[in-house]
Amino acid sequence: MTTTAPAALAEPLVPVRRGWVALLVLANLGVFMGFFTPIQVLLPEQIAAIDPGHKEAMLGLVTGLGAAAAVVVNPVAGALSDRTVWRFGRRHARPREPAALCARGHASLRDAMNIALIRSRSR
């Protein structure tokens, strides 16, 4: 018995245009700037204000826990995204929920007044 995959899961046959690739590059640049700027600039300053004596160790702990969470969550989210079929095709089904979750995380870091709150909110 052979089964055919839905059209949304078929491999693309038409190459993408250069403009699409350029927009994808610009979108990734914007996302990376919005995501990594707080991590590289604001997070060390916030940790230094909370615990100046142990700022290096605390920054290492917070970023290490965040990286460990990313190692687990990113493949799971990618697998779910690949298996989600929507009328616009796979990998496009739910862009709003992760963006809202990321924005909530950034907003909650603003109010963190101790290292435990930063650790729990940076994952």
PDB file of N, CA and C in Angstrom:
ATOM      1  N   MET A   1       0.837  -1.166   0.000  1.00  0.00           N
ATOM      2  CA  MET A   1       0.000   0.000   0.000  1.00  0.00           C
ATOM      3  C   MET A   1       0.894   1.245   0.000  1.00  0.00           C
ATOM      4  N   THR A   2       0.693   2.102  -0.946  1.00  0.00           N
ATOM      5  CA  THR A   2       1.460   3.343  -1.020  1.00  0.00           C
ATOM      6  C   THR A   2       0.561   4.511  -0.651  1.00  0.00           C
ATOM      7  N   THR A   3       1.141   5.428   0.047  1.00  0.00           N
ATOM      8  CA  THR A   3       0.400   6.641   0.404  1.00  0.00           C
ATOM      9  C   THR A   3       1.158   7.842  -0.136  1.00  0.00           C
ATOM     10  N   THR A   4       0.430   8.833  -0.521  1.00  0.00           N
ATOM     11  CA  THR A   4       1.057  10.053  -1.024  1.00  0.00           C
ATOM     12  C   THR A   4       0.992  11.112   0.059  1.00  0.00           C
ATOM     13  N   ALA A   5       2.029  11.895   0.133  1.00  0.00           N
ATOM     14  CA  ALA A   5       2.105  12.967   1.122  1.00  0.00           C
ATOM     15  C   ALA A   5       1.233  14.130   0.678  1.00  0.00           C
ATOM     16  N   PRO A   6       0.715  14.892   1.633  1.00  0.00           N
ATOM     17  CA  PRO A   6      -0.036  16.099   1.263  1.00  0.00           C
ATOM     18  C   PRO A   6       0.846  17.051   0.463  1.00  0.00           C
ATOM     19  N   ALA A   7       0.232  17.882  -0.335  1.00  0.00           N
ATOM     20  CA  ALA A   7       0.987  18.811  -1.180  1.00  0.00           C
ATOM     21  C   ALA A   7       1.885  19.729  -0.364  1.00  0.00           C
ATOM     22  N   ALA A   8       1.450  20.088   0.844  1.00  0.00           N
ATOM     23  CA  ALA A   8       2.256  20.986   1.682  1.00  0.00           C
ATOM     24  C   ALA A   8       3.559  20.343   2.131  1.00  0.00           C
ATOM     25  N   LEU A   9       3.614  19.005   2.150  1.00  0.00           N
ATOM     26  CA  LEU A   9       4.830  18.315   2.587  1.00  0.00           C
ATOM     27  C   LEU A   9       5.735  17.914   1.429  1.00  0.00           C
ATOM     28  N   ALA A  10       5.319  18.163   0.217  1.00  0.00           N
ATOM     29  CA  ALA A  10       6.137  17.811  -0.952  1.00  0.00           C
ATOM     30  C   ALA A  10       7.347  18.730  -1.046  1.00  0.00           C
ATOM     31  N   GLU A  11       8.396  18.216  -1.618  1.00  0.00           N
ATOM     32  CA  GLU A  11       9.593  19.032  -1.818  1.00  0.00           C
ATOM     33  C   GLU A  11       9.311  20.124  -2.845  1.00  0.00           C
ATOM     34  N   PRO A  12       9.835  21.317  -2.636  1.00  0.00           N
ATOM     35  CA  PRO A  12       9.578  22.402  -3.597  1.00  0.00           C
ATOM     36  C   PRO A  12      10.227  22.114  -4.944  1.00  0.00           C
ATOM     37  N   LEU A  13       9.534  22.496  -6.005  1.00  0.00           N
ATOM     38  CA  LEU A  13      10.039  22.279  -7.357  1.00  0.00           C
ATOM     39  C   LEU A  13      10.510  23.569  -8.010  1.00  0.00           C
ATOM     40  N   VAL A  14      10.054  24.704  -7.502  1.00  0.00           N
ATOM     41  CA  VAL A  14      10.401  25.999  -8.078  1.00  0.00           C
ATOM     42  C   VAL A  14      11.432  26.670  -7.176  1.00  0.00           C
ATOM     43  N   PRO A  15      12.567  27.092  -7.742  1.00  0.00           N
ATOM     44  CA  PRO A  15      13.558  27.767  -6.897  1.00  0.00           C
ATOM     45  C   PRO A  15      13.026  29.117  -6.402  1.00  0.00           C
ATOM     46  N   VAL A  16      13.486  29.517  -5.220  1.00  0.00           N
ATOM     47  CA  VAL A  16      13.040  30.801  -4.678  1.00  0.00           C
ATOM     48  C   VAL A  16      13.762  31.941  -5.391  1.00  0.00           C
ATOM     49  N   ARG A  17      13.132  33.107  -5.364  1.00  0.00           N
ATOM     50  CA  ARG A  17      13.717  34.274  -6.031  1.00  0.00           C
ATOM     51  C   ARG A  17      14.749  34.937  -5.143  1.00  0.00           C
ATOM     52  N   ARG A  18      15.593  35.742  -5.746  1.00  0.00           N
ATOM     53  CA  ARG A  18      16.643  36.443  -5.003  1.00  0.00           C
ATOM     54  C   ARG A  18      16.055  37.415  -3.998  1.00  0.00           C
ATOM     55  N   GLY A  19      14.952  38.055  -4.362  1.00  0.00           N
ATOM     56  CA  GLY A  19      14.302  38.987  -3.441  1.00  0.00           C
ATOM     57  C   GLY A  19      13.821  38.293  -2.179  1.00  0.00           C
ATOM     58  N   TRP A  20      13.320  37.067  -2.324  1.00  0.00           N
ATOM     59  CA  TRP A  20      12.866  36.310  -1.162  1.00  0.00           C
ATOM     60  C   TRP A  20      14.040  35.986  -0.247  1.00  0.00           C
ATOM     61  N   VAL A  21      15.150  35.596  -0.842  1.00  0.00           N
ATOM     62  CA  VAL A  21      16.348  35.290  -0.058  1.00  0.00           C
ATOM     63  C   VAL A  21      16.852  36.547   0.655  1.00  0.00           C
ATOM     64  N   ALA A  22      16.828  37.685  -0.040  1.00  0.00           N
ATOM     65  CA  ALA A  22      17.260  38.938   0.585  1.00  0.00           C
ATOM     66  C   ALA A  22      16.355  39.306   1.753  1.00  0.00           C
ATOM     67  N   LEU A  23      15.047  39.148   1.591  1.00  0.00           N
ATOM     68  CA  LEU A  23      14.126  39.431   2.691  1.00  0.00           C
ATOM     69  C   LEU A  23      14.334  38.466   3.856  1.00  0.00           C
ATOM     70  N   LEU A  24      14.637  37.218   3.559  1.00  0.00           N
ATOM     71  CA  LEU A  24      14.901  36.246   4.612  1.00  0.00           C
ATOM     72  C   LEU A  24      16.153  36.635   5.401  1.00  0.00           C
ATOM     73  N   VAL A  25      17.189  37.072   4.692  1.00  0.00           N
ATOM     74  CA  VAL A  25      18.419  37.515   5.355  1.00  0.00           C
ATOM     75  C   VAL A  25      18.136  38.721   6.243  1.00  0.00           C
ATOM     76  N   LEU A  26      17.390  39.693   5.742  1.00  0.00           N
ATOM     77  CA  LEU A  26      17.068  40.878   6.539  1.00  0.00           C
ATOM     78  C   LEU A  26      16.196  40.532   7.746  1.00  0.00           C
ATOM     79  N   ALA A  27      15.260  39.621   7.567  1.00  0.00           N
ATOM     80  CA  ALA A  27      14.410  39.204   8.686  1.00  0.00           C
ATOM     81  C   ALA A  27      15.238  38.508   9.760  1.00  0.00           C
ATOM     82  N   ASN A  28      16.150  37.634   9.346  1.00  0.00           N
ATOM     83  CA  ASN A  28      17.023  36.963  10.317  1.00  0.00           C
ATOM     84  C   ASN A  28      17.924  37.958  11.025  1.00  0.00           C
ATOM     85  N   LEU A  29      18.432  38.928  10.305  1.00  0.00           N
ATOM     86  CA  LEU A  29      19.265  39.958  10.926  1.00  0.00           C
ATOM     87  C   LEU A  29      18.469  40.710  11.989  1.00  0.00           C
ATOM     88  N   GLY A  30      17.236  41.080  11.664  1.00  0.00           N
ATOM     89  CA  GLY A  30      16.394  41.779  12.635  1.00  0.00           C
ATOM     90  C   GLY A  30      16.090  40.936  13.859  1.00  0.00           C
ATOM     91  N   VAL A  31      15.794  39.660  13.649  1.00  0.00           N
ATOM     92  CA  VAL A  31      15.505  38.771  14.768  1.00  0.00           C
ATOM     93  C   VAL A  31      16.744  38.596  15.639  1.00  0.00           C
ATOM     94  N   PHE A  32      17.889  38.380  15.026  1.00  0.00           N
ATOM     95  CA  PHE A  32      19.107  38.195  15.806  1.00  0.00           C
ATOM     96  C   PHE A  32      19.483  39.456  16.574  1.00  0.00           C
ATOM     97  N   MET A  33      19.300  40.610  15.962  1.00  0.00           N
ATOM     98  CA  MET A  33      19.598  41.858  16.667  1.00  0.00           C
ATOM     99  C   MET A  33      18.649  42.051  17.846  1.00  0.00           C
ATOM    100  N   GLY A  34      17.392  41.731  17.651  1.00  0.00           N
ATOM    101  CA  GLY A  34      16.426  41.875  18.732  1.00  0.00           C
ATOM    102  C   GLY A  34      16.610  40.849  19.828  1.00  0.00           C
ATOM    103  N   PHE A  35      17.131  39.686  19.487  1.00  0.00           N
ATOM    104  CA  PHE A  35      17.277  38.623  20.471  1.00  0.00           C
ATOM    105  C   PHE A  35      18.622  38.663  21.181  1.00  0.00           C
ATOM    106  N   PHE A  36      19.700  38.850  20.440  1.00  0.00           N
ATOM    107  CA  PHE A  36      21.025  38.752  21.043  1.00  0.00           C
ATOM    108  C   PHE A  36      21.518  40.047  21.674  1.00  0.00           C
ATOM    109  N   THR A  37      20.980  41.183  21.299  1.00  0.00           N
ATOM    110  CA  THR A  37      21.410  42.439  21.921  1.00  0.00           C
ATOM    111  C   THR A  37      21.136  42.438  23.417  1.00  0.00           C
ATOM    112  N   PRO A  38      19.935  42.061  23.873  1.00  0.00           N
ATOM    113  CA  PRO A  38      19.738  42.018  25.326  1.00  0.00           C
ATOM    114  C   PRO A  38      20.657  41.019  26.019  1.00  0.00           C
ATOM    115  N   ILE A  39      20.948  39.907  25.366  1.00  0.00           N
ATOM    116  CA  ILE A  39      21.802  38.900  25.992  1.00  0.00           C
ATOM    117  C   ILE A  39      23.229  39.416  26.121  1.00  0.00           C
ATOM    118  N   GLN A  40      23.740  40.060  25.091  1.00  0.00           N
ATOM    119  CA  GLN A  40      25.138  40.465  25.089  1.00  0.00           C
ATOM    120  C   GLN A  40      25.393  41.797  25.783  1.00  0.00           C
ATOM    121  N   VAL A  41      24.410  42.660  25.847  1.00  0.00           N
ATOM    122  CA  VAL A  41      24.630  43.992  26.406  1.00  0.00           C
ATOM    123  C   VAL A  41      23.895  44.176  27.730  1.00  0.00           C
ATOM    124  N   LEU A  42      22.607  43.983  27.711  1.00  0.00           N
ATOM    125  CA  LEU A  42      21.801  44.305  28.876  1.00  0.00           C
ATOM    126  C   LEU A  42      21.888  43.270  29.993  1.00  0.00           C
ATOM    127  N   LEU A  43      21.945  42.003  29.653  1.00  0.00           N
ATOM    128  CA  LEU A  43      21.996  40.969  30.676  1.00  0.00           C
ATOM    129  C   LEU A  43      23.247  41.079  31.553  1.00  0.00           C
ATOM    130  N   PRO A  44      24.458  41.273  31.002  1.00  0.00           N
ATOM    131  CA  PRO A  44      25.613  41.459  31.878  1.00  0.00           C
ATOM    132  C   PRO A  44      25.495  42.690  32.784  1.00  0.00           C
ATOM    133  N   GLU A  45      24.921  43.759  32.253  1.00  0.00           N
ATOM    134  CA  GLU A  45      24.744  44.952  33.085  1.00  0.00           C
ATOM    135  C   GLU A  45      23.747  44.695  34.206  1.00  0.00           C
ATOM    136  N   GLN A  46      22.685  43.983  33.905  1.00  0.00           N
ATOM    137  CA  GLN A  46      21.685  43.678  34.917  1.00  0.00           C
ATOM    138  C   GLN A  46      22.264  42.767  35.996  1.00  0.00           C
ATOM    139  N   ILE A  47      23.019  41.779  35.598  1.00  0.00           N
ATOM    140  CA  ILE A  47      23.634  40.870  36.576  1.00  0.00           C
ATOM    141  C   ILE A  47      24.664  41.614  37.412  1.00  0.00           C
ATOM    142  N   ALA A  48      25.442  42.510  36.814  1.00  0.00           N
ATOM    143  CA  ALA A  48      26.415  43.295  37.574  1.00  0.00           C
ATOM    144  C   ALA A  48      25.721  44.182  38.601  1.00  0.00           C
ATOM    145  N   ALA A  49      24.547  44.692  38.281  1.00  0.00           N
ATOM    146  CA  ALA A  49      23.805  45.521  39.232  1.00  0.00           C
ATOM    147  C   ALA A  49      23.234  44.681  40.370  1.00  0.00           C
ATOM    148  N   ILE A  50      22.910  43.429  40.102  1.00  0.00           N
ATOM    149  CA  ILE A  50      22.331  42.562  41.125  1.00  0.00           C
ATOM    150  C   ILE A  50      23.408  41.972  42.028  1.00  0.00           C
ATOM    151  N   ASP A  51      24.471  41.460  41.437  1.00  0.00           N
ATOM    152  CA  ASP A  51      25.514  40.770  42.212  1.00  0.00           C
ATOM    153  C   ASP A  51      26.892  41.103  41.641  1.00  0.00           C
ATOM    154  N   PRO A  52      27.439  42.293  41.965  1.00  0.00           N
ATOM    155  CA  PRO A  52      28.711  42.706  41.361  1.00  0.00           C
ATOM    156  C   PRO A  52      29.886  41.792  41.702  1.00  0.00           C
ATOM    157  N   GLY A  53      29.846  41.147  42.857  1.00  0.00           N
ATOM    158  CA  GLY A  53      30.970  40.297  43.259  1.00  0.00           C
ATOM    159  C   GLY A  53      31.065  38.986  42.506  1.00  0.00           C
ATOM    160  N   HIS A  54      29.960  38.511  41.994  1.00  0.00           N
ATOM    161  CA  HIS A  54      29.946  37.224  41.297  1.00  0.00           C
ATOM    162  C   HIS A  54      29.371  37.353  39.890  1.00  0.00           C
ATOM    163  N   LYS A  55      29.555  38.494  39.266  1.00  0.00           N
ATOM    164  CA  LYS A  55      28.895  38.741  37.985  1.00  0.00           C
ATOM    165  C   LYS A  55      29.336  37.781  36.886  1.00  0.00           C
ATOM    166  N   GLU A  56      30.612  37.413  36.843  1.00  0.00           N
ATOM    167  CA  GLU A  56      31.080  36.506  35.788  1.00  0.00           C
ATOM    168  C   GLU A  56      30.481  35.117  35.955  1.00  0.00           C
ATOM    169  N   ALA A  57      30.491  34.610  37.188  1.00  0.00           N
ATOM    170  CA  ALA A  57      29.946  33.276  37.435  1.00  0.00           C
ATOM    171  C   ALA A  57      28.440  33.247  37.172  1.00  0.00           C
ATOM    172  N   MET A  58      27.749  34.281  37.598  1.00  0.00           N
ATOM    173  CA  MET A  58      26.299  34.313  37.410  1.00  0.00           C
ATOM    174  C   MET A  58      25.935  34.452  35.927  1.00  0.00           C
ATOM    175  N   LEU A  59      26.694  35.250  35.180  1.00  0.00           N
ATOM    176  CA  LEU A  59      26.435  35.369  33.745  1.00  0.00           C
ATOM    177  C   LEU A  59      26.688  34.040  33.054  1.00  0.00           C
ATOM    178  N   GLY A  60      27.742  33.348  33.442  1.00  0.00           N
ATOM    179  CA  GLY A  60      28.019  32.033  32.876  1.00  0.00           C
ATOM    180  C   GLY A  60      26.921  31.032  33.182  1.00  0.00           C
ATOM    181  N   LEU A  61      26.421  31.075  34.410  1.00  0.00           N
ATOM    182  CA  LEU A  61      25.345  30.177  34.795  1.00  0.00           C
ATOM    183  C   LEU A  61      24.063  30.468  34.021  1.00  0.00           C
ATOM    184  N   VAL A  62      23.697  31.730  33.947  1.00  0.00           N
ATOM    185  CA  VAL A  62      22.459  32.111  33.254  1.00  0.00           C
ATOM    186  C   VAL A  62      22.547  31.783  31.762  1.00  0.00           C
ATOM    187  N   THR A  63      23.647  32.149  31.113  1.00  0.00           N
ATOM    188  CA  THR A  63      23.757  31.871  29.681  1.00  0.00           C
ATOM    189  C   THR A  63      23.922  30.373  29.414  1.00  0.00           C
ATOM    190  N   GLY A  64      24.571  29.659  30.310  1.00  0.00           N
ATOM    191  CA  GLY A  64      24.705  28.209  30.148  1.00  0.00           C
ATOM    192  C   GLY A  64      23.364  27.499  30.239  1.00  0.00           C
ATOM    193  N   LEU A  65      22.546  27.902  31.204  1.00  0.00           N
ATOM    194  CA  LEU A  65      21.214  27.311  31.314  1.00  0.00           C
ATOM    195  C   LEU A  65      20.352  27.657  30.104  1.00  0.00           C
ATOM    196  N   GLY A  66      20.487  28.875  29.618  1.00  0.00           N
ATOM    197  CA  GLY A  66      19.752  29.260  28.416  1.00  0.00           C
ATOM    198  C   GLY A  66      20.184  28.445  27.205  1.00  0.00           C
ATOM    199  N   ALA A  67      21.490  28.216  27.076  1.00  0.00           N
ATOM    200  CA  ALA A  67      21.992  27.412  25.956  1.00  0.00           C
ATOM    201  C   ALA A  67      21.530  25.962  26.071  1.00  0.00           C
ATOM    202  N   ALA A  68      21.528  25.425  27.283  1.00  0.00           N
ATOM    203  CA  ALA A  68      21.065  24.044  27.475  1.00  0.00           C
ATOM    204  C   ALA A  68      19.587  23.924  27.106  1.00  0.00           C
ATOM    205  N   ALA A  69      18.800  24.905  27.480  1.00  0.00           N
ATOM    206  CA  ALA A  69      17.384  24.891  27.115  1.00  0.00           C
ATOM    207  C   ALA A  69      17.221  24.971  25.601  1.00  0.00           C
ATOM    208  N   ALA A  70      18.042  25.777  24.951  1.00  0.00           N
ATOM    209  CA  ALA A  70      17.961  25.908  23.495  1.00  0.00           C
ATOM    210  C   ALA A  70      18.315  24.598  22.791  1.00  0.00           C
ATOM    211  N   VAL A  71      19.269  23.858  23.338  1.00  0.00           N
ATOM    212  CA  VAL A  71      19.660  22.578  22.747  1.00  0.00           C
ATOM    213  C   VAL A  71      18.487  21.601  22.765  1.00  0.00           C
ATOM    214  N   VAL A  72      17.657  21.684  23.786  1.00  0.00           N
ATOM    215  CA  VAL A  72      16.509  20.780  23.881  1.00  0.00           C
ATOM    216  C   VAL A  72      15.312  21.306  23.090  1.00  0.00           C
ATOM    217  N   VAL A  73      15.006  22.586  23.250  1.00  0.00           N
ATOM    218  CA  VAL A  73      13.769  23.145  22.690  1.00  0.00           C
ATOM    219  C   VAL A  73      13.849  23.324  21.172  1.00  0.00           C
ATOM    220  N   ASN A  74      14.964  23.761  20.641  1.00  0.00           N
ATOM    221  CA  ASN A  74      15.053  24.034  19.202  1.00  0.00           C
ATOM    222  C   ASN A  74      14.779  22.807  18.327  1.00  0.00           C
ATOM    223  N   PRO A  75      15.370  21.649  18.593  1.00  0.00           N
ATOM    224  CA  PRO A  75      15.032  20.487  17.761  1.00  0.00           C
ATOM    225  C   PRO A  75      13.565  20.056  17.892  1.00  0.00           C
ATOM    226  N   VAL A  76      13.028  20.158  19.103  1.00  0.00           N
ATOM    227  CA  VAL A  76      11.626  19.788  19.296  1.00  0.00           C
ATOM    228  C   VAL A  76      10.714  20.731  18.519  1.00  0.00           C
ATOM    229  N   ALA A  77      10.976  22.034  18.630  1.00  0.00           N
ATOM    230  CA  ALA A  77      10.165  23.014  17.900  1.00  0.00           C
ATOM    231  C   ALA A  77      10.320  22.829  16.391  1.00  0.00           C
ATOM    232  N   GLY A  78      11.525  22.524  15.927  1.00  0.00           N
ATOM    233  CA  GLY A  78      11.736  22.284  14.500  1.00  0.00           C
ATOM    234  C   GLY A  78      10.993  21.058  14.001  1.00  0.00           C
ATOM    235  N   ALA A  79      11.014  19.992  14.792  1.00  0.00           N
ATOM    236  CA  ALA A  79      10.297  18.779  14.395  1.00  0.00           C
ATOM    237  C   ALA A  79       8.794  19.027  14.347  1.00  0.00           C
ATOM    238  N   LEU A  80       8.276  19.747  15.337  1.00  0.00           N
ATOM    239  CA  LEU A  80       6.847  20.072  15.324  1.00  0.00           C
ATOM    240  C   LEU A  80       6.498  20.962  14.138  1.00  0.00           C
ATOM    241  N   SER A  81       7.374  21.902  13.843  1.00  0.00           N
ATOM    242  CA  SER A  81       7.136  22.799  12.716  1.00  0.00           C
ATOM    243  C   SER A  81       7.132  22.043  11.388  1.00  0.00           C
ATOM    244  N   ASP A  82       8.033  21.092  11.238  1.00  0.00           N
ATOM    245  CA  ASP A  82       8.096  20.316   9.999  1.00  0.00           C
ATOM    246  C   ASP A  82       6.866  19.445   9.799  1.00  0.00           C
ATOM    247  N   ARG A  83       6.228  19.067  10.888  1.00  0.00           N
ATOM    248  CA  ARG A  83       5.077  18.171  10.787  1.00  0.00           C
ATOM    249  C   ARG A  83       3.747  18.903  10.838  1.00  0.00           C
ATOM    250  N   THR A  84       3.785  20.208  10.922  1.00  0.00           N
ATOM    251  CA  THR A  84       2.551  20.993  10.944  1.00  0.00           C
ATOM    252  C   THR A  84       2.210  21.412   9.528  1.00  0.00           C
ATOM    253  N   VAL A  85       1.007  21.081   9.111  1.00  0.00           N
ATOM    254  CA  VAL A  85       0.560  21.436   7.768  1.00  0.00           C
ATOM    255  C   VAL A  85      -0.489  22.535   7.901  1.00  0.00           C
ATOM    256  N   TRP A  86      -0.284  23.581   7.151  1.00  0.00           N
ATOM    257  CA  TRP A  86      -1.193  24.713   7.161  1.00  0.00           C
ATOM    258  C   TRP A  86      -1.428  25.124   5.720  1.00  0.00           C
ATOM    259  N   ARG A  87      -2.362  25.975   5.466  1.00  0.00           N
ATOM    260  CA  ARG A  87      -2.656  26.329   4.073  1.00  0.00           C
ATOM    261  C   ARG A  87      -1.499  27.056   3.398  1.00  0.00           C
ATOM    262  N   PHE A  88      -0.581  27.655   4.179  1.00  0.00           N
ATOM    263  CA  PHE A  88       0.587  28.319   3.600  1.00  0.00           C
ATOM    264  C   PHE A  88       1.785  27.383   3.506  1.00  0.00           C
ATOM    265  N   GLY A  89       1.623  26.133   3.870  1.00  0.00           N
ATOM    266  CA  GLY A  89       2.705  25.157   3.790  1.00  0.00           C
ATOM    267  C   GLY A  89       3.298  24.878   5.157  1.00  0.00           C
ATOM    268  N   ARG A  90       4.257  23.984   5.184  1.00  0.00           N
ATOM    269  CA  ARG A  90       4.889  23.641   6.454  1.00  0.00           C
ATOM    270  C   ARG A  90       5.847  24.750   6.878  1.00  0.00           C
ATOM    271  N   ARG A  91       6.170  24.749   8.137  1.00  0.00           N
ATOM    272  CA  ARG A  91       7.083  25.707   8.768  1.00  0.00           C
ATOM    273  C   ARG A  91       6.540  27.130   8.827  1.00  0.00           C
ATOM    274  N   HIS A  92       5.296  27.337   8.492  1.00  0.00           N
ATOM    275  CA  HIS A  92       4.718  28.681   8.560  1.00  0.00           C
ATOM    276  C   HIS A  92       3.479  28.711   9.446  1.00  0.00           C
ATOM    277  N   ALA A  93       3.215  27.643  10.140  1.00  0.00           N
ATOM    278  CA  ALA A  93       1.927  27.516  10.805  1.00  0.00           C
ATOM    279  C   ALA A  93       1.756  28.437  12.005  1.00  0.00           C
ATOM    280  N   ARG A  94       2.752  28.600  12.821  1.00  0.00           N
ATOM    281  CA  ARG A  94       2.562  29.336  14.064  1.00  0.00           C
ATOM    282  C   ARG A  94       3.702  30.316  14.336  1.00  0.00           C
ATOM    283  N   PRO A  95       3.805  31.389  13.582  1.00  0.00           N
ATOM    284  CA  PRO A  95       4.874  32.346  13.880  1.00  0.00           C
ATOM    285  C   PRO A  95       4.543  33.287  15.028  1.00  0.00           C
ATOM    286  N   ARG A  96       3.266  33.453  15.348  1.00  0.00           N
ATOM    287  CA  ARG A  96       2.889  34.443  16.368  1.00  0.00           C
ATOM    288  C   ARG A  96       3.177  33.969  17.785  1.00  0.00           C
ATOM    289  N   GLU A  97       2.913  32.706  18.079  1.00  0.00           N
ATOM    290  CA  GLU A  97       3.082  32.214  19.445  1.00  0.00           C
ATOM    291  C   GLU A  97       4.536  32.288  19.918  1.00  0.00           C
ATOM    292  N   PRO A  98       5.516  31.803  19.142  1.00  0.00           N
ATOM    293  CA  PRO A  98       6.896  31.944  19.603  1.00  0.00           C
ATOM    294  C   PRO A  98       7.339  33.402  19.725  1.00  0.00           C
ATOM    295  N   ALA A  99       6.883  34.257  18.833  1.00  0.00           N
ATOM    296  CA  ALA A  99       7.236  35.675  18.924  1.00  0.00           C
ATOM    297  C   ALA A  99       6.658  36.298  20.191  1.00  0.00           C
ATOM    298  N   ALA A 100       5.426  35.956  20.517  1.00  0.00           N
ATOM    299  CA  ALA A 100       4.807  36.477  21.738  1.00  0.00           C
ATOM    300  C   ALA A 100       5.514  35.937  22.982  1.00  0.00           C
ATOM    301  N   LEU A 101       5.912  34.675  22.963  1.00  0.00           N
ATOM    302  CA  LEU A 101       6.628  34.092  24.085  1.00  0.00           C
ATOM    303  C   LEU A 101       7.983  34.767  24.280  1.00  0.00           C
ATOM    304  N   CYS A 102       8.671  35.032  23.193  1.00  0.00           N
ATOM    305  CA  CYS A 102       9.968  35.717  23.263  1.00  0.00           C
ATOM    306  C   CYS A 102       9.793  37.137  23.812  1.00  0.00           C
ATOM    307  N   ALA A 103       8.785  37.847  23.348  1.00  0.00           N
ATOM    308  CA  ALA A 103       8.536  39.204  23.839  1.00  0.00           C
ATOM    309  C   ALA A 103       8.202  39.187  25.329  1.00  0.00           C
ATOM    310  N   ARG A 104       7.435  38.210  25.766  1.00  0.00           N
ATOM    311  CA  ARG A 104       7.109  38.090  27.195  1.00  0.00           C
ATOM    312  C   ARG A 104       8.366  37.818  28.012  1.00  0.00           C
ATOM    313  N   GLY A 105       9.246  36.979  27.496  1.00  0.00           N
ATOM    314  CA  GLY A 105      10.501  36.698  28.195  1.00  0.00           C
ATOM    315  C   GLY A 105      11.371  37.933  28.332  1.00  0.00           C
ATOM    316  N   HIS A 106      11.466  38.706  27.261  1.00  0.00           N
ATOM    317  CA  HIS A 106      12.248  39.945  27.323  1.00  0.00           C
ATOM    318  C   HIS A 106      11.641  40.920  28.325  1.00  0.00           C
ATOM    319  N   ALA A 107      10.324  41.034  28.325  1.00  0.00           N
ATOM    320  CA  ALA A 107       9.659  41.949  29.255  1.00  0.00           C
ATOM    321  C   ALA A 107       9.830  41.490  30.695  1.00  0.00           C
ATOM    322  N   SER A 108       9.802  40.182  30.940  1.00  0.00           N
ATOM    323  CA  SER A 108       9.950  39.698  32.313  1.00  0.00           C
ATOM    324  C   SER A 108      11.376  39.868  32.813  1.00  0.00           C
ATOM    325  N   LEU A 109      12.359  39.804  31.935  1.00  0.00           N
ATOM    326  CA  LEU A 109      13.745  40.042  32.357  1.00  0.00           C
ATOM    327  C   LEU A 109      13.940  41.470  32.845  1.00  0.00           C
ATOM    328  N   ARG A 110      13.163  42.381  32.294  1.00  0.00           N
ATOM    329  CA  ARG A 110      13.268  43.775  32.700  1.00  0.00           C
ATOM    330  C   ARG A 110      12.987  43.933  34.193  1.00  0.00           C
ATOM    331  N   ASP A 111      12.070  43.135  34.724  1.00  0.00           N
ATOM    332  CA  ASP A 111      11.656  43.264  36.113  1.00  0.00           C
ATOM    333  C   ASP A 111      12.409  42.349  37.067  1.00  0.00           C
ATOM    334  N   ALA A 112      13.337  41.552  36.577  1.00  0.00           N
ATOM    335  CA  ALA A 112      14.059  40.611  37.442  1.00  0.00           C
ATOM    336  C   ALA A 112      14.986  41.360  38.390  1.00  0.00           C
ATOM    337  N   MET A 113      14.838  41.061  39.678  1.00  0.00           N
ATOM    338  CA  MET A 113      15.640  41.748  40.684  1.00  0.00           C
ATOM    339  C   MET A 113      16.631  40.828  41.390  1.00  0.00           C
ATOM    340  N   ASN A 114      16.671  39.545  41.022  1.00  0.00           N
ATOM    341  CA  ASN A 114      17.679  38.657  41.575  1.00  0.00           C
ATOM    342  C   ASN A 114      18.053  37.601  40.534  1.00  0.00           C
ATOM    343  N   ILE A 115      19.131  36.887  40.797  1.00  0.00           N
ATOM    344  CA  ILE A 115      19.667  35.935  39.826  1.00  0.00           C
ATOM    345  C   ILE A 115      18.692  34.784  39.585  1.00  0.00           C
ATOM    346  N   ALA A 116      17.975  34.347  40.606  1.00  0.00           N
ATOM    347  CA  ALA A 116      17.030  33.241  40.424  1.00  0.00           C
ATOM    348  C   ALA A 116      15.944  33.609  39.421  1.00  0.00           C
ATOM    349  N   LEU A 117      15.475  34.836  39.447  1.00  0.00           N
ATOM    350  CA  LEU A 117      14.461  35.259  38.474  1.00  0.00           C
ATOM    351  C   LEU A 117      15.035  35.318  37.070  1.00  0.00           C
ATOM    352  N   ILE A 118      16.270  35.764  36.941  1.00  0.00           N
ATOM    353  CA  ILE A 118      16.900  35.818  35.615  1.00  0.00           C
ATOM    354  C   ILE A 118      17.084  34.390  35.086  1.00  0.00           C
ATOM    355  N   ARG A 119      17.540  33.466  35.945  1.00  0.00           N
ATOM    356  CA  ARG A 119      17.745  32.099  35.508  1.00  0.00           C
ATOM    357  C   ARG A 119      16.445  31.465  35.061  1.00  0.00           C
ATOM    358  N   SER A 120      15.373  31.655  35.834  1.00  0.00           N
ATOM    359  CA  SER A 120      14.116  31.007  35.479  1.00  0.00           C
ATOM    360  C   SER A 120      13.485  31.634  34.245  1.00  0.00           C
ATOM    361  N   ARG A 121      13.748  32.897  33.993  1.00  0.00           N
ATOM    362  CA  ARG A 121      13.121  33.580  32.866  1.00  0.00           C
ATOM    363  C   ARG A 121      13.968  33.532  31.607  1.00  0.00           C
ATOM    364  N   SER A 122      15.231  33.161  31.700  1.00  0.00           N
ATOM    365  CA  SER A 122      16.062  33.139  30.498  1.00  0.00           C
ATOM    366  C   SER A 122      15.993  31.802  29.782  1.00  0.00           C
ATOM    367  N   ARG A 123      15.339  30.822  30.337  1.00  0.00           N
ATOM    368  CA  ARG A 123      15.250  29.500  29.698  1.00  0.00           C
ATOM    369  C   ARG A 123      14.216  29.481  28.636  1.00  0.00           C
TER     370      ARG A 123
END
